[in-house]
């Protein structure tokens, strides 16, 4: 069975309150630790809300950098940018499944 770690990051309200930097730091630490402990075939998935270009840009960069670093370990790293009301359960399930074995470093925007 494939193991997937979901890393929530936050959204525009966190940027406005000044909490985004701390949330990004926590997300990095959580994702880095997950990459080190996951078996090959495992996955890390960031989730953040749209609306703040700086936050989405930071998650995109973090996702793609960790995907490159995790690839030799056989661990995938992806991100979903979706509002709190978006139904992304199917997308999360897909990205954590063996069917998404070739998908890493992707930042998917759910409408």
PDB file of N, CA and C in Angstrom:
ATOM      1  N   UNK A   1       0.841  -1.190   0.000  1.00  0.00           N
ATOM      2  CA  UNK A   1       0.000   0.000   0.000  1.00  0.00           C
ATOM      3  C   UNK A   1       0.883   1.250   0.000  1.00  0.00           C
ATOM      4  N   UNK A   2       0.508   2.212  -0.820  1.00  0.00           N
ATOM      5  CA  UNK A   2       1.265   3.445  -0.927  1.00  0.00           C
ATOM      6  C   UNK A   2       0.919   4.369   0.225  1.00  0.00           C
ATOM      7  N   UNK A   3       1.931   4.974   0.802  1.00  0.00           N
ATOM      8  CA  UNK A   3       1.736   5.925   1.899  1.00  0.00           C
ATOM      9  C   UNK A   3       1.816   7.338   1.341  1.00  0.00           C
ATOM     10  N   UNK A   4       0.879   8.188   1.735  1.00  0.00           N
ATOM     11  CA  UNK A   4       0.880   9.572   1.304  1.00  0.00           C
ATOM     12  C   UNK A   4       0.778  10.471   2.520  1.00  0.00           C
ATOM     13  N   UNK A   5       1.574  11.537   2.527  1.00  0.00           N
ATOM     14  CA  UNK A   5       1.539  12.521   3.604  1.00  0.00           C
ATOM     15  C   UNK A   5       0.970  13.814   3.035  1.00  0.00           C
ATOM     16  N   UNK A   6      -0.147  14.283   3.597  1.00  0.00           N
ATOM     17  CA  UNK A   6      -0.778  15.531   3.169  1.00  0.00           C
ATOM     18  C   UNK A   6      -0.269  16.657   4.053  1.00  0.00           C
ATOM     19  N   UNK A   7       0.262  17.712   3.416  1.00  0.00           N
ATOM     20  CA  UNK A   7       0.834  18.841   4.150  1.00  0.00           C
ATOM     21  C   UNK A   7       0.008  20.092   3.856  1.00  0.00           C
ATOM     22  N   UNK A   8      -0.888  20.495   4.779  1.00  0.00           N
ATOM     23  CA  UNK A   8      -1.658  21.728   4.562  1.00  0.00           C
ATOM     24  C   UNK A   8      -0.771  22.953   4.763  1.00  0.00           C
ATOM     25  N   UNK A   9      -0.977  23.976   3.920  1.00  0.00           N
ATOM     26  CA  UNK A   9      -0.115  25.153   3.995  1.00  0.00           C
ATOM     27  C   UNK A   9      -0.867  26.406   4.401  1.00  0.00           C
ATOM     28  N   UNK A  10      -2.094  26.593   3.976  1.00  0.00           N
ATOM     29  CA  UNK A  10      -2.836  27.794   4.336  1.00  0.00           C
ATOM     30  C   UNK A  10      -3.315  28.521   3.108  1.00  0.00           C
ATOM     31  N   UNK A  11      -3.657  29.792   3.301  1.00  0.00           N
ATOM     32  CA  UNK A  11      -4.200  30.564   2.193  1.00  0.00           C
ATOM     33  C   UNK A  11      -4.007  32.045   2.384  1.00  0.00           C
ATOM     34  N   UNK A  12      -4.765  32.836   1.638  1.00  0.00           N
ATOM     35  CA  UNK A  12      -4.613  34.289   1.659  1.00  0.00           C
ATOM     36  C   UNK A  12      -4.749  34.921   3.052  1.00  0.00           C
ATOM     37  N   UNK A  13      -5.624  34.378   3.879  1.00  0.00           N
ATOM     38  CA  UNK A  13      -5.796  34.947   5.224  1.00  0.00           C
ATOM     39  C   UNK A  13      -4.505  34.828   6.032  1.00  0.00           C
ATOM     40  N   UNK A  14      -3.761  33.753   5.790  1.00  0.00           N
ATOM     41  CA  UNK A  14      -2.500  33.566   6.509  1.00  0.00           C
ATOM     42  C   UNK A  14      -1.434  34.551   6.027  1.00  0.00           C
ATOM     43  N   UNK A  15      -1.483  34.898   4.738  1.00  0.00           N
ATOM     44  CA  UNK A  15      -0.547  35.895   4.209  1.00  0.00           C
ATOM     45  C   UNK A  15      -0.870  37.252   4.813  1.00  0.00           C
ATOM     46  N   UNK A  16      -2.151  37.586   4.858  1.00  0.00           N
ATOM     47  CA  UNK A  16      -2.572  38.879   5.400  1.00  0.00           C
ATOM     48  C   UNK A  16      -2.225  39.016   6.877  1.00  0.00           C
ATOM     49  N   UNK A  17      -2.277  37.905   7.610  1.00  0.00           N
ATOM     50  CA  UNK A  17      -1.996  37.976   9.048  1.00  0.00           C
ATOM     51  C   UNK A  17      -0.510  37.872   9.358  1.00  0.00           C
ATOM     52  N   UNK A  18       0.303  37.581   8.355  1.00  0.00           N
ATOM     53  CA  UNK A  18       1.733  37.452   8.575  1.00  0.00           C
ATOM     54  C   UNK A  18       2.163  36.064   9.000  1.00  0.00           C
ATOM     55  N   UNK A  19       1.243  35.112   8.999  1.00  0.00           N
ATOM     56  CA  UNK A  19       1.563  33.750   9.441  1.00  0.00           C
ATOM     57  C   UNK A  19       2.127  32.878   8.337  1.00  0.00           C
ATOM     58  N   UNK A  20       2.128  33.352   7.096  1.00  0.00           N
ATOM     59  CA  UNK A  20       2.527  32.521   5.955  1.00  0.00           C
ATOM     60  C   UNK A  20       3.967  32.029   6.070  1.00  0.00           C
ATOM     61  N   UNK A  21       4.891  32.874   6.499  1.00  0.00           N
ATOM     62  CA  UNK A  21       6.296  32.472   6.589  1.00  0.00           C
ATOM     63  C   UNK A  21       6.455  31.300   7.551  1.00  0.00           C
ATOM     64  N   UNK A  22       5.800  31.355   8.680  1.00  0.00           N
ATOM     65  CA  UNK A  22       5.865  30.259   9.639  1.00  0.00           C
ATOM     66  C   UNK A  22       5.225  28.995   9.102  1.00  0.00           C
ATOM     67  N   UNK A  23       4.096  29.148   8.402  1.00  0.00           N
ATOM     68  CA  UNK A  23       3.415  27.993   7.817  1.00  0.00           C
ATOM     69  C   UNK A  23       4.274  27.342   6.737  1.00  0.00           C
ATOM     70  N   UNK A  24       4.934  28.157   5.923  1.00  0.00           N
ATOM     71  CA  UNK A  24       5.819  27.609   4.889  1.00  0.00           C
ATOM     72  C   UNK A  24       7.003  26.878   5.510  1.00  0.00           C
ATOM     73  N   UNK A  25       7.547  27.434   6.572  1.00  0.00           N
ATOM     74  CA  UNK A  25       8.643  26.762   7.271  1.00  0.00           C
ATOM     75  C   UNK A  25       8.199  25.433   7.851  1.00  0.00           C
ATOM     76  N   UNK A  26       7.031  25.429   8.468  1.00  0.00           N
ATOM     77  CA  UNK A  26       6.489  24.174   9.022  1.00  0.00           C
ATOM     78  C   UNK A  26       6.211  23.163   7.916  1.00  0.00           C
ATOM     79  N   UNK A  27       5.671  23.640   6.783  1.00  0.00           N
ATOM     80  CA  UNK A  27       5.379  22.749   5.658  1.00  0.00           C
ATOM     81  C   UNK A  27       6.666  22.127   5.132  1.00  0.00           C
ATOM     82  N   UNK A  28       7.722  22.924   5.031  1.00  0.00           N
ATOM     83  CA  UNK A  28       8.999  22.400   4.555  1.00  0.00           C
ATOM     84  C   UNK A  28       9.522  21.311   5.483  1.00  0.00           C
ATOM     85  N   UNK A  29       9.512  21.573   6.775  1.00  0.00           N
ATOM     86  CA  UNK A  29      10.020  20.598   7.745  1.00  0.00           C
ATOM     87  C   UNK A  29       9.199  19.310   7.697  1.00  0.00           C
ATOM     88  N   UNK A  30       7.887  19.443   7.663  1.00  0.00           N
ATOM     89  CA  UNK A  30       7.010  18.269   7.598  1.00  0.00           C
ATOM     90  C   UNK A  30       7.274  17.459   6.336  1.00  0.00           C
ATOM     91  N   UNK A  31       7.361  18.145   5.187  1.00  0.00           N
ATOM     92  CA  UNK A  31       7.581  17.455   3.911  1.00  0.00           C
ATOM     93  C   UNK A  31       8.963  16.817   3.870  1.00  0.00           C
ATOM     94  N   UNK A  32       9.976  17.519   4.321  1.00  0.00           N
ATOM     95  CA  UNK A  32      11.341  16.976   4.318  1.00  0.00           C
ATOM     96  C   UNK A  32      11.420  15.716   5.174  1.00  0.00           C
ATOM     97  N   UNK A  33      10.825  15.772   6.358  1.00  0.00           N
ATOM     98  CA  UNK A  33      10.833  14.603   7.239  1.00  0.00           C
ATOM     99  C   UNK A  33      10.068  13.440   6.618  1.00  0.00           C
ATOM    100  N   UNK A  34       8.962  13.746   5.941  1.00  0.00           N
ATOM    101  CA  UNK A  34       8.171  12.696   5.285  1.00  0.00           C
ATOM    102  C   UNK A  34       8.969  12.039   4.164  1.00  0.00           C
ATOM    103  N   UNK A  35       9.652  12.845   3.364  1.00  0.00           N
ATOM    104  CA  UNK A  35      10.464  12.301   2.264  1.00  0.00           C
ATOM    105  C   UNK A  35      11.497  11.338   2.811  1.00  0.00           C
ATOM    106  N   UNK A  36      12.082  11.665   3.946  1.00  0.00           N
ATOM    107  CA  UNK A  36      13.133  10.812   4.520  1.00  0.00           C
ATOM    108  C   UNK A  36      12.593   9.509   5.105  1.00  0.00           C
ATOM    109  N   UNK A  37      11.342   9.498   5.535  1.00  0.00           N
ATOM    110  CA  UNK A  37      10.825   8.288   6.174  1.00  0.00           C
ATOM    111  C   UNK A  37       9.949   7.433   5.251  1.00  0.00           C
ATOM    112  N   UNK A  38       9.470   7.989   4.142  1.00  0.00           N
ATOM    113  CA  UNK A  38       8.607   7.233   3.242  1.00  0.00           C
ATOM    114  C   UNK A  38       9.405   6.205   2.441  1.00  0.00           C
ATOM    115  N   UNK A  39       8.751   5.093   2.185  1.00  0.00           N
ATOM    116  CA  UNK A  39       9.331   4.055   1.339  1.00  0.00           C
ATOM    117  C   UNK A  39       9.191   4.477  -0.125  1.00  0.00           C
ATOM    118  N   UNK A  40       9.982   3.873  -1.025  1.00  0.00           N
ATOM    119  CA  UNK A  40       9.789   4.144  -2.452  1.00  0.00           C
ATOM    120  C   UNK A  40       8.337   3.898  -2.849  1.00  0.00           C
ATOM    121  N   UNK A  41       7.796   4.777  -3.661  1.00  0.00           N
ATOM    122  CA  UNK A  41       6.391   4.704  -4.049  1.00  0.00           C
ATOM    123  C   UNK A  41       5.510   5.610  -3.204  1.00  0.00           C
ATOM    124  N   UNK A  42       6.062   6.138  -2.112  1.00  0.00           N
ATOM    125  CA  UNK A  42       5.305   7.039  -1.246  1.00  0.00           C
ATOM    126  C   UNK A  42       5.151   8.408  -1.878  1.00  0.00           C
ATOM    127  N   UNK A  43       4.316   9.241  -1.268  1.00  0.00           N
ATOM    128  CA  UNK A  43       4.036  10.552  -1.842  1.00  0.00           C
ATOM    129  C   UNK A  43       3.833  11.604  -0.765  1.00  0.00           C
ATOM    130  N   UNK A  44       4.245  12.812  -1.082  1.00  0.00           N
ATOM    131  CA  UNK A  44       3.997  13.985  -0.254  1.00  0.00           C
ATOM    132  C   UNK A  44       3.128  14.911  -1.090  1.00  0.00           C
ATOM    133  N   UNK A  45       2.081  15.461  -0.482  1.00  0.00           N
ATOM    134  CA  UNK A  45       1.169  16.328  -1.213  1.00  0.00           C
ATOM    135  C   UNK A  45       0.918  17.601  -0.406  1.00  0.00           C
ATOM    136  N   UNK A  46       1.330  18.738  -0.978  1.00  0.00           N
ATOM    137  CA  UNK A  46       1.040  20.032  -0.371  1.00  0.00           C
ATOM    138  C   UNK A  46      -0.364  20.451  -0.777  1.00  0.00           C
ATOM    139  N   UNK A  47      -1.049  21.157   0.117  1.00  0.00           N
ATOM    140  CA  UNK A  47      -2.374  21.695  -0.213  1.00  0.00           C
ATOM    141  C   UNK A  47      -2.426  23.127   0.284  1.00  0.00           C
ATOM    142  N   UNK A  48      -2.719  24.054  -0.635  1.00  0.00           N
ATOM    143  CA  UNK A  48      -2.883  25.452  -0.225  1.00  0.00           C
ATOM    144  C   UNK A  48      -4.052  26.057  -0.987  1.00  0.00           C
ATOM    145  N   UNK A  49      -4.497  27.205  -0.514  1.00  0.00           N
ATOM    146  CA  UNK A  49      -5.626  27.907  -1.119  1.00  0.00           C
ATOM    147  C   UNK A  49      -5.112  28.929  -2.132  1.00  0.00           C
ATOM    148  N   UNK A  50      -5.883  29.138  -3.204  1.00  0.00           N
ATOM    149  CA  UNK A  50      -5.486  30.146  -4.194  1.00  0.00           C
ATOM    150  C   UNK A  50      -5.775  31.545  -3.676  1.00  0.00           C
ATOM    151  N   UNK A  51      -5.345  32.539  -4.432  1.00  0.00           N
ATOM    152  CA  UNK A  51      -5.698  33.912  -4.097  1.00  0.00           C
ATOM    153  C   UNK A  51      -4.513  34.766  -3.720  1.00  0.00           C
ATOM    154  N   UNK A  52      -3.406  34.165  -3.404  1.00  0.00           N
ATOM    155  CA  UNK A  52      -2.208  34.926  -3.048  1.00  0.00           C
ATOM    156  C   UNK A  52      -1.045  34.379  -3.869  1.00  0.00           C
ATOM    157  N   UNK A  53      -0.646  35.146  -4.878  1.00  0.00           N
ATOM    158  CA  UNK A  53       0.379  34.677  -5.811  1.00  0.00           C
ATOM    159  C   UNK A  53       1.696  34.330  -5.113  1.00  0.00           C
ATOM    160  N   UNK A  54       2.062  35.099  -4.086  1.00  0.00           N
ATOM    161  CA  UNK A  54       3.332  34.830  -3.404  1.00  0.00           C
ATOM    162  C   UNK A  54       3.311  33.464  -2.719  1.00  0.00           C
ATOM    163  N   UNK A  55       2.199  33.126  -2.088  1.00  0.00           N
ATOM    164  CA  UNK A  55       2.090  31.838  -1.408  1.00  0.00           C
ATOM    165  C   UNK A  55       2.090  30.687  -2.413  1.00  0.00           C
ATOM    166  N   UNK A  56       1.327  30.825  -3.483  1.00  0.00           N
ATOM    167  CA  UNK A  56       1.278  29.784  -4.507  1.00  0.00           C
ATOM    168  C   UNK A  56       2.651  29.640  -5.164  1.00  0.00           C
ATOM    169  N   UNK A  57       3.324  30.745  -5.409  1.00  0.00           N
ATOM    170  CA  UNK A  57       4.677  30.693  -5.977  1.00  0.00           C
ATOM    171  C   UNK A  57       5.654  29.991  -5.056  1.00  0.00           C
ATOM    172  N   UNK A  58       5.557  30.265  -3.768  1.00  0.00           N
ATOM    173  CA  UNK A  58       6.450  29.609  -2.804  1.00  0.00           C
ATOM    174  C   UNK A  58       6.191  28.111  -2.748  1.00  0.00           C
ATOM    175  N   UNK A  59       4.917  27.711  -2.768  1.00  0.00           N
ATOM    176  CA  UNK A  59       4.576  26.286  -2.742  1.00  0.00           C
ATOM    177  C   UNK A  59       5.033  25.612  -4.029  1.00  0.00           C
ATOM    178  N   UNK A  60       4.860  26.292  -5.167  1.00  0.00           N
ATOM    179  CA  UNK A  60       5.312  25.742  -6.445  1.00  0.00           C
ATOM    180  C   UNK A  60       6.809  25.479  -6.410  1.00  0.00           C
ATOM    181  N   UNK A  61       7.567  26.442  -5.951  1.00  0.00           N
ATOM    182  CA  UNK A  61       9.019  26.290  -5.863  1.00  0.00           C
ATOM    183  C   UNK A  61       9.410  25.183  -4.893  1.00  0.00           C
ATOM    184  N   UNK A  62       8.786  25.162  -3.732  1.00  0.00           N
ATOM    185  CA  UNK A  62       9.072  24.138  -2.731  1.00  0.00           C
ATOM    186  C   UNK A  62       8.737  22.748  -3.259  1.00  0.00           C
ATOM    187  N   UNK A  63       7.592  22.634  -3.893  1.00  0.00           N
ATOM    188  CA  UNK A  63       7.146  21.347  -4.441  1.00  0.00           C
ATOM    189  C   UNK A  63       8.133  20.830  -5.482  1.00  0.00           C
ATOM    190  N   UNK A  64       8.495  21.661  -6.425  1.00  0.00           N
ATOM    191  CA  UNK A  64       9.379  21.223  -7.510  1.00  0.00           C
ATOM    192  C   UNK A  64      10.791  20.927  -7.024  1.00  0.00           C
ATOM    193  N   UNK A  65      11.270  21.700  -6.064  1.00  0.00           N
ATOM    194  CA  UNK A  65      12.606  21.444  -5.514  1.00  0.00           C
ATOM    195  C   UNK A  65      12.630  20.125  -4.744  1.00  0.00           C
ATOM    196  N   UNK A  66      11.635  19.917  -3.869  1.00  0.00           N
ATOM    197  CA  UNK A  66      11.590  18.663  -3.110  1.00  0.00           C
ATOM    198  C   UNK A  66      11.350  17.462  -4.025  1.00  0.00           C
ATOM    199  N   UNK A  67      10.590  17.663  -5.108  1.00  0.00           N
ATOM    200  CA  UNK A  67      10.348  16.562  -6.055  1.00  0.00           C
ATOM    201  C   UNK A  67      11.665  16.105  -6.672  1.00  0.00           C
ATOM    202  N   UNK A  68      12.518  17.053  -7.045  1.00  0.00           N
ATOM    203  CA  UNK A  68      13.835  16.697  -7.600  1.00  0.00           C
ATOM    204  C   UNK A  68      14.699  15.971  -6.566  1.00  0.00           C
ATOM    205  N   UNK A  69      14.658  16.441  -5.344  1.00  0.00           N
ATOM    206  CA  UNK A  69      15.478  15.829  -4.301  1.00  0.00           C
ATOM    207  C   UNK A  69      14.944  14.461  -3.869  1.00  0.00           C
ATOM    208  N   UNK A  70      13.629  14.272  -3.927  1.00  0.00           N
ATOM    209  CA  UNK A  70      13.013  13.018  -3.469  1.00  0.00           C
ATOM    210  C   UNK A  70      12.988  11.945  -4.554  1.00  0.00           C
ATOM    211  N   UNK A  71      13.133  12.327  -5.802  1.00  0.00           N
ATOM    212  CA  UNK A  71      13.032  11.373  -6.919  1.00  0.00           C
ATOM    213  C   UNK A  71      13.993  10.185  -6.787  1.00  0.00           C
ATOM    214  N   UNK A  72      15.252  10.387  -6.429  1.00  0.00           N
ATOM    215  CA  UNK A  72      16.145   9.225  -6.294  1.00  0.00           C
ATOM    216  C   UNK A  72      15.693   8.238  -5.208  1.00  0.00           C
ATOM    217  N   UNK A  73      14.907   8.697  -4.253  1.00  0.00           N
ATOM    218  CA  UNK A  73      14.382   7.828  -3.193  1.00  0.00           C
ATOM    219  C   UNK A  73      13.092   7.136  -3.620  1.00  0.00           C
ATOM    220  N   UNK A  74      12.555   7.512  -4.798  1.00  0.00           N
ATOM    221  CA  UNK A  74      11.308   6.919  -5.276  1.00  0.00           C
ATOM    222  C   UNK A  74      10.067   7.530  -4.637  1.00  0.00           C
ATOM    223  N   UNK A  75      10.215   8.719  -4.069  1.00  0.00           N
ATOM    224  CA  UNK A  75       9.102   9.411  -3.412  1.00  0.00           C
ATOM    225  C   UNK A  75       8.667  10.566  -4.300  1.00  0.00           C
ATOM    226  N   UNK A  76       7.359  10.706  -4.477  1.00  0.00           N
ATOM    227  CA  UNK A  76       6.789  11.774  -5.301  1.00  0.00           C
ATOM    228  C   UNK A  76       6.348  12.939  -4.434  1.00  0.00           C
ATOM    229  N   UNK A  77       6.481  14.153  -4.973  1.00  0.00           N
ATOM    230  CA  UNK A  77       6.040  15.362  -4.275  1.00  0.00           C
ATOM    231  C   UNK A  77       5.206  16.178  -5.255  1.00  0.00           C
ATOM    232  N   UNK A  78       3.957  16.472  -4.882  1.00  0.00           N
ATOM    233  CA  UNK A  78       3.046  17.250  -5.706  1.00  0.00           C
ATOM    234  C   UNK A  78       2.313  18.264  -4.839  1.00  0.00           C
ATOM    235  N   UNK A  79       1.561  19.147  -5.485  1.00  0.00           N
ATOM    236  CA  UNK A  79       0.787  20.154  -4.746  1.00  0.00           C
ATOM    237  C   UNK A  79      -0.571  20.354  -5.407  1.00  0.00           C
ATOM    238  N   UNK A  80      -1.543  20.671  -4.575  1.00  0.00           N
ATOM    239  CA  UNK A  80      -2.881  21.041  -5.043  1.00  0.00           C
ATOM    240  C   UNK A  80      -3.177  22.437  -4.516  1.00  0.00           C
ATOM    241  N   UNK A  81      -3.598  23.317  -5.424  1.00  0.00           N
ATOM    242  CA  UNK A  81      -4.040  24.653  -5.051  1.00  0.00           C
ATOM    243  C   UNK A  81      -5.548  24.659  -5.238  1.00  0.00           C
ATOM    244  N   UNK A  82      -6.279  24.734  -4.140  1.00  0.00           N
ATOM    245  CA  UNK A  82      -7.743  24.652  -4.207  1.00  0.00           C
ATOM    246  C   UNK A  82      -8.361  25.378  -3.027  1.00  0.00           C
ATOM    247  N   UNK A  83      -9.504  25.968  -3.277  1.00  0.00           N
ATOM    248  CA  UNK A  83     -10.251  26.643  -2.222  1.00  0.00           C
ATOM    249  C   UNK A  83     -10.748  25.652  -1.185  1.00  0.00           C
ATOM    250  N   UNK A  84     -11.129  26.147  -0.009  1.00  0.00           N
ATOM    251  CA  UNK A  84     -11.561  25.258   1.073  1.00  0.00           C
ATOM    252  C   UNK A  84     -12.822  24.470   0.741  1.00  0.00           C
ATOM    253  N   UNK A  85     -13.625  24.972  -0.181  1.00  0.00           N
ATOM    254  CA  UNK A  85     -14.871  24.286  -0.539  1.00  0.00           C
ATOM    255  C   UNK A  85     -14.696  23.317  -1.713  1.00  0.00           C
ATOM    256  N   UNK A  86     -13.528  23.322  -2.340  1.00  0.00           N
ATOM    257  CA  UNK A  86     -13.301  22.461  -3.510  1.00  0.00           C
ATOM    258  C   UNK A  86     -13.261  20.991  -3.089  1.00  0.00           C
ATOM    259  N   UNK A  87     -13.894  20.159  -3.892  1.00  0.00           N
ATOM    260  CA  UNK A  87     -13.898  18.718  -3.632  1.00  0.00           C
ATOM    261  C   UNK A  87     -12.692  18.105  -4.340  1.00  0.00           C
ATOM    262  N   UNK A  88     -11.642  17.875  -3.596  1.00  0.00           N
ATOM    263  CA  UNK A  88     -10.410  17.353  -4.184  1.00  0.00           C
ATOM    264  C   UNK A  88     -10.071  15.956  -3.664  1.00  0.00           C
ATOM    265  N   UNK A  89     -11.028  15.297  -3.027  1.00  0.00           N
ATOM    266  CA  UNK A  89     -10.762  13.973  -2.466  1.00  0.00           C
ATOM    267  C   UNK A  89     -10.301  12.982  -3.531  1.00  0.00           C
ATOM    268  N   UNK A  90     -10.944  13.005  -4.703  1.00  0.00           N
ATOM    269  CA  UNK A  90     -10.554  12.106  -5.785  1.00  0.00           C
ATOM    270  C   UNK A  90      -9.156  12.399  -6.289  1.00  0.00           C
ATOM    271  N   UNK A  91      -8.813  13.688  -6.386  1.00  0.00           N
ATOM    272  CA  UNK A  91      -7.488  14.095  -6.833  1.00  0.00           C
ATOM    273  C   UNK A  91      -6.420  13.686  -5.822  1.00  0.00           C
ATOM    274  N   UNK A  92      -6.727  13.847  -4.551  1.00  0.00           N
ATOM    275  CA  UNK A  92      -5.795  13.434  -3.497  1.00  0.00           C
ATOM    276  C   UNK A  92      -5.587  11.923  -3.548  1.00  0.00           C
ATOM    277  N   UNK A  93      -6.674  11.180  -3.710  1.00  0.00           N
ATOM    278  CA  UNK A  93      -6.570   9.722  -3.794  1.00  0.00           C
ATOM    279  C   UNK A  93      -5.739   9.299  -5.005  1.00  0.00           C
ATOM    280  N   UNK A  94      -5.974   9.950  -6.146  1.00  0.00           N
ATOM    281  CA  UNK A  94      -5.211   9.616  -7.351  1.00  0.00           C
ATOM    282  C   UNK A  94      -3.726   9.882  -7.155  1.00  0.00           C
ATOM    283  N   UNK A  95      -3.380  11.072  -6.647  1.00  0.00           N
ATOM    284  CA  UNK A  95      -1.962  11.431  -6.497  1.00  0.00           C
ATOM    285  C   UNK A  95      -1.240  10.535  -5.491  1.00  0.00           C
ATOM    286  N   UNK A  96      -1.980   9.930  -4.586  1.00  0.00           N
ATOM    287  CA  UNK A  96      -1.372   9.018  -3.618  1.00  0.00           C
ATOM    288  C   UNK A  96      -1.339   7.576  -4.082  1.00  0.00           C
ATOM    289  N   UNK A  97      -1.920   7.310  -5.241  1.00  0.00           N
ATOM    290  CA  UNK A  97      -2.018   5.932  -5.727  1.00  0.00           C
ATOM    291  C   UNK A  97      -0.873   5.571  -6.668  1.00  0.00           C
ATOM    292  N   UNK A  98      -0.660   4.280  -6.889  1.00  0.00           N
ATOM    293  CA  UNK A  98       0.354   3.851  -7.849  1.00  0.00           C
ATOM    294  C   UNK A  98       0.070   4.325  -9.278  1.00  0.00           C
ATOM    295  N   UNK A  99      -1.180   4.662  -9.596  1.00  0.00           N
ATOM    296  CA  UNK A  99      -1.518   5.155 -10.930  1.00  0.00           C
ATOM    297  C   UNK A  99      -0.821   6.480 -11.246  1.00  0.00           C
ATOM    298  N   UNK A 100      -0.426   7.217 -10.220  1.00  0.00           N
ATOM    299  CA  UNK A 100       0.249   8.507 -10.406  1.00  0.00           C
ATOM    300  C   UNK A 100       1.755   8.380 -10.253  1.00  0.00           C
ATOM    301  N   UNK A 101       2.274   7.191 -10.486  1.00  0.00           N
ATOM    302  CA  UNK A 101       3.704   6.935 -10.278  1.00  0.00           C
ATOM    303  C   UNK A 101       4.609   7.855 -11.089  1.00  0.00           C
ATOM    304  N   UNK A 102       4.152   8.338 -12.218  1.00  0.00           N
ATOM    305  CA  UNK A 102       4.985   9.194 -13.067  1.00  0.00           C
ATOM    306  C   UNK A 102       4.715  10.681 -12.845  1.00  0.00           C
ATOM    307  N   UNK A 103       3.921  11.017 -11.856  1.00  0.00           N
ATOM    308  CA  UNK A 103       3.545  12.405 -11.600  1.00  0.00           C
ATOM    309  C   UNK A 103       4.293  12.908 -10.367  1.00  0.00           C
ATOM    310  N   UNK A 104       5.266  13.764 -10.587  1.00  0.00           N
ATOM    311  CA  UNK A 104       5.982  14.376  -9.463  1.00  0.00           C
ATOM    312  C   UNK A 104       6.397  15.787  -9.853  1.00  0.00           C
ATOM    313  N   UNK A 105       6.356  16.678  -8.905  1.00  0.00           N
ATOM    314  CA  UNK A 105       6.687  18.087  -9.162  1.00  0.00           C
ATOM    315  C   UNK A 105       5.529  18.847  -9.775  1.00  0.00           C
ATOM    316  N   UNK A 106       4.343  18.250  -9.810  1.00  0.00           N
ATOM    317  CA  UNK A 106       3.173  18.900 -10.418  1.00  0.00           C
ATOM    318  C   UNK A 106       2.450  19.768  -9.397  1.00  0.00           C
ATOM    319  N   UNK A 107       1.991  20.906  -9.862  1.00  0.00           N
ATOM    320  CA  UNK A 107       1.162  21.801  -9.045  1.00  0.00           C
ATOM    321  C   UNK A 107      -0.168  21.913  -9.776  1.00  0.00           C
ATOM    322  N   UNK A 108      -1.188  21.286  -9.206  1.00  0.00           N
ATOM    323  CA  UNK A 108      -2.491  21.217  -9.851  1.00  0.00           C
ATOM    324  C   UNK A 108      -3.452  22.193  -9.208  1.00  0.00           C
ATOM    325  N   UNK A 109      -4.154  22.944 -10.042  1.00  0.00           N
ATOM    326  CA  UNK A 109      -5.122  23.911  -9.543  1.00  0.00           C
ATOM    327  C   UNK A 109      -6.522  23.329  -9.714  1.00  0.00           C
ATOM    328  N   UNK A 110      -7.229  23.168  -8.614  1.00  0.00           N
ATOM    329  CA  UNK A 110      -8.595  22.646  -8.643  1.00  0.00           C
ATOM    330  C   UNK A 110      -9.567  23.811  -8.606  1.00  0.00           C
ATOM    331  N   UNK A 111     -10.550  23.743  -9.443  1.00  0.00           N
ATOM    332  CA  UNK A 111     -11.511  24.843  -9.532  1.00  0.00           C
ATOM    333  C   UNK A 111     -12.727  24.534  -8.694  1.00  0.00           C
TER     334      UNK A 111
END
